[in-house]
Amino acid sequence: MDDFINAAVNQLGIGESVAKDATGKVLGMIKNGLGDQFSEVASKLPGAEQLMEQSASSDQPGGGLLGSVTKAASSMLGGGAGQGMEVMGALQKSGLSVEQGGSFITMFIDFIKQKIGDELVAKIFDKIPALRPFVVK
């Protein structure tokens, strides 16, 4: 995961702590979506578990106003739109702007595709369809 963190820092001009926190949050969402299948993903992404732990320990209880608004909008919109709000809300909590968040997710998906393969990425998209629009073809 260090390769991805370094690439995000260099390409997006963000701090290492922001990149680590955002990566941990996205990995946590993927883990929640995949459940037991996440172990297969984690085994191919060394350092993923540590990033999720660090990100979880940095979370503020309740998520503040942004967290409340994101959760409310997510539940009202449902489905992929709701998940998209959750993903972007998590990235904004990490310190990314909306523009940086979109670029970050695109980079992240490209990176994990190379590491875990198309079959596992397809499983992630089945569980979290909001990530699919960020794929560059």
Protein backbone atom coordinates (compact mmCIF):
# COMPACT_ATOMS: atom_id res chain seq x y z
CA MET A 1 0.00 0.00 0.00
CA ASP A 2 3.01 2.27 0.41
CA ASP A 3 3.29 2.55 -3.38
CA PHE A 4 -0.27 3.82 -3.58
CA ILE A 5 0.17 6.26 -0.69
CA ASN A 6 3.29 7.71 -2.34
CA ALA A 7 1.55 8.01 -5.72
CA ALA A 8 -1.47 9.76 -4.15
CA VAL A 9 0.80 12.20 -2.30
CA ASN A 10 2.79 13.01 -5.44
CA GLN A 11 -0.04 13.12 -7.99
CA LEU A 12 -2.70 14.84 -5.87
CA GLY A 13 -0.42 17.09 -3.83
CA ILE A 14 -1.87 15.88 -0.52
CA GLY A 15 -0.16 15.08 2.75
CA GLU A 16 0.85 11.53 3.62
CA SER A 17 -1.45 11.45 6.66
CA VAL A 18 -4.41 12.52 4.47
CA ALA A 19 -3.57 9.83 1.90
CA LYS A 20 -3.28 7.15 4.60
CA ASP A 21 -6.51 8.18 6.31
CA ALA A 22 -8.48 8.31 3.05
CA THR A 23 -7.09 4.94 1.96
CA GLY A 24 -7.99 3.39 5.30
CA LYS A 25 -11.54 4.75 5.07
CA VAL A 26 -12.07 3.39 1.54
CA LEU A 27 -10.62 0.03 2.54
CA GLY A 28 -12.95 -0.01 5.55
CA MET A 29 -15.96 0.59 3.31
CA ILE A 30 -14.83 -2.22 1.04
CA LYS A 31 -14.40 -4.51 4.06
CA ASN A 32 -17.90 -3.65 5.26
CA GLY A 33 -19.28 -4.37 1.80
CA LEU A 34 -17.44 -7.63 1.20
CA GLY A 35 -17.62 -9.07 4.70
CA ASP A 36 -15.68 -12.35 4.95
CA GLN A 37 -14.50 -12.04 1.34
CA PHE A 38 -12.35 -9.07 2.34
CA SER A 39 -9.62 -11.38 3.67
CA GLU A 40 -8.82 -12.32 0.06
CA VAL A 41 -8.45 -8.63 -0.81
CA ALA A 42 -6.36 -7.86 2.28
CA SER A 43 -4.00 -10.77 1.57
CA LYS A 44 -3.09 -9.12 -1.74
CA LEU A 45 -2.75 -5.60 -0.28
CA PRO A 46 -0.01 -5.66 2.38
CA GLY A 47 -0.59 -2.91 4.93
CA ALA A 48 -4.33 -2.62 4.27
CA GLU A 49 -5.36 -3.78 7.76
CA GLN A 50 -2.99 -1.29 9.43
CA LEU A 51 -4.32 1.60 7.33
CA MET A 52 -7.90 0.71 8.30
CA GLU A 53 -6.95 0.54 11.99
CA GLN A 54 -5.18 3.92 11.83
CA SER A 55 -8.10 5.49 9.99
CA ALA A 56 -10.64 4.09 12.44
CA SER A 57 -8.66 5.41 15.42
CA SER A 58 -8.62 8.90 13.88
CA ASP A 59 -12.41 9.03 13.40
CA GLN A 60 -14.39 11.41 15.54
CA PRO A 61 -17.43 9.82 17.19
CA GLY A 62 -20.58 10.80 15.32
CA GLY A 63 -18.74 12.39 12.40
CA GLY A 64 -19.86 15.95 13.16
CA LEU A 65 -22.23 17.94 10.96
CA LEU A 66 -20.78 16.63 7.69
CA GLY A 67 -21.16 13.04 8.89
CA SER A 68 -24.76 13.64 9.94
CA VAL A 69 -25.69 15.29 6.65
CA THR A 70 -23.94 12.58 4.63
CA LYS A 71 -25.66 9.78 6.53
CA ALA A 72 -29.06 11.45 6.20
CA ALA A 73 -28.62 12.07 2.48
CA SER A 74 -27.33 8.55 1.99
CA SER A 75 -30.33 6.96 3.63
CA MET A 76 -32.76 9.18 1.70
CA LEU A 77 -31.11 8.54 -1.66
CA GLY A 78 -30.43 4.86 -1.08
CA GLY A 79 -28.54 2.50 -3.38
CA GLY A 80 -25.55 3.66 -5.36
CA ALA A 81 -26.27 7.37 -4.90
CA GLY A 82 -26.31 6.93 -1.13
CA GLN A 83 -23.08 4.96 -1.23
CA GLY A 84 -21.50 7.64 -3.39
CA MET A 85 -22.38 10.24 -0.77
CA GLU A 86 -20.86 8.04 1.93
CA VAL A 87 -17.63 7.53 -0.03
CA MET A 88 -17.21 11.23 -0.75
CA GLY A 89 -18.18 12.16 2.82
CA ALA A 90 -15.52 9.81 4.19
CA LEU A 91 -12.90 11.28 1.87
CA GLN A 92 -13.83 14.82 2.83
CA LYS A 93 -13.46 13.86 6.50
CA SER A 94 -9.93 12.77 5.63
CA GLY A 95 -9.20 16.24 4.24
CA LEU A 96 -9.77 15.79 0.51
CA SER A 97 -11.82 18.19 -1.60
CA VAL A 98 -14.56 16.76 -3.83
CA GLU A 99 -12.27 17.08 -6.86
CA GLN A 100 -9.36 15.41 -5.06
CA GLY A 101 -11.74 12.70 -3.80
CA GLY A 102 -12.81 11.77 -7.32
CA SER A 103 -9.21 11.60 -8.50
CA PHE A 104 -8.23 9.66 -5.38
CA ILE A 105 -10.91 6.99 -5.94
CA THR A 106 -9.97 6.65 -9.61
CA MET A 107 -6.31 6.15 -8.65
CA PHE A 108 -7.25 3.74 -5.87
CA ILE A 109 -9.39 1.53 -8.11
CA ASP A 110 -6.70 1.46 -10.79
CA PHE A 111 -4.14 0.47 -8.16
CA ILE A 112 -6.18 -2.31 -6.60
CA LYS A 113 -7.14 -3.69 -10.01
CA GLN A 114 -3.45 -4.30 -10.65
CA LYS A 115 -2.96 -5.90 -7.23
CA ILE A 116 -6.12 -7.97 -6.70
CA GLY A 117 -7.36 -8.62 -10.23
CA ASP A 118 -10.56 -7.97 -12.15
CA GLU A 119 -12.58 -10.75 -10.47
CA LEU A 120 -12.22 -9.29 -6.96
CA VAL A 121 -12.76 -5.76 -8.23
CA ALA A 122 -16.00 -6.96 -9.84
CA LYS A 123 -17.10 -8.32 -6.43
CA ILE A 124 -16.35 -4.93 -4.88
CA PHE A 125 -18.43 -3.19 -7.55
CA ASP A 126 -21.29 -5.63 -6.92
CA LYS A 127 -21.30 -4.68 -3.24
CA ILE A 128 -20.42 -0.97 -3.67
CA PRO A 129 -21.73 0.08 -7.10
CA ALA A 130 -21.00 3.74 -6.34
CA LEU A 131 -17.32 3.05 -7.04
CA ARG A 132 -17.93 1.86 -10.61
CA PRO A 133 -18.20 5.35 -12.22
CA PHE A 134 -14.63 6.11 -11.13
CA VAL A 135 -13.15 3.43 -13.39
CA VAL A 136 -11.10 4.86 -16.25
CA LYS A 137 -11.48 2.80 -19.38
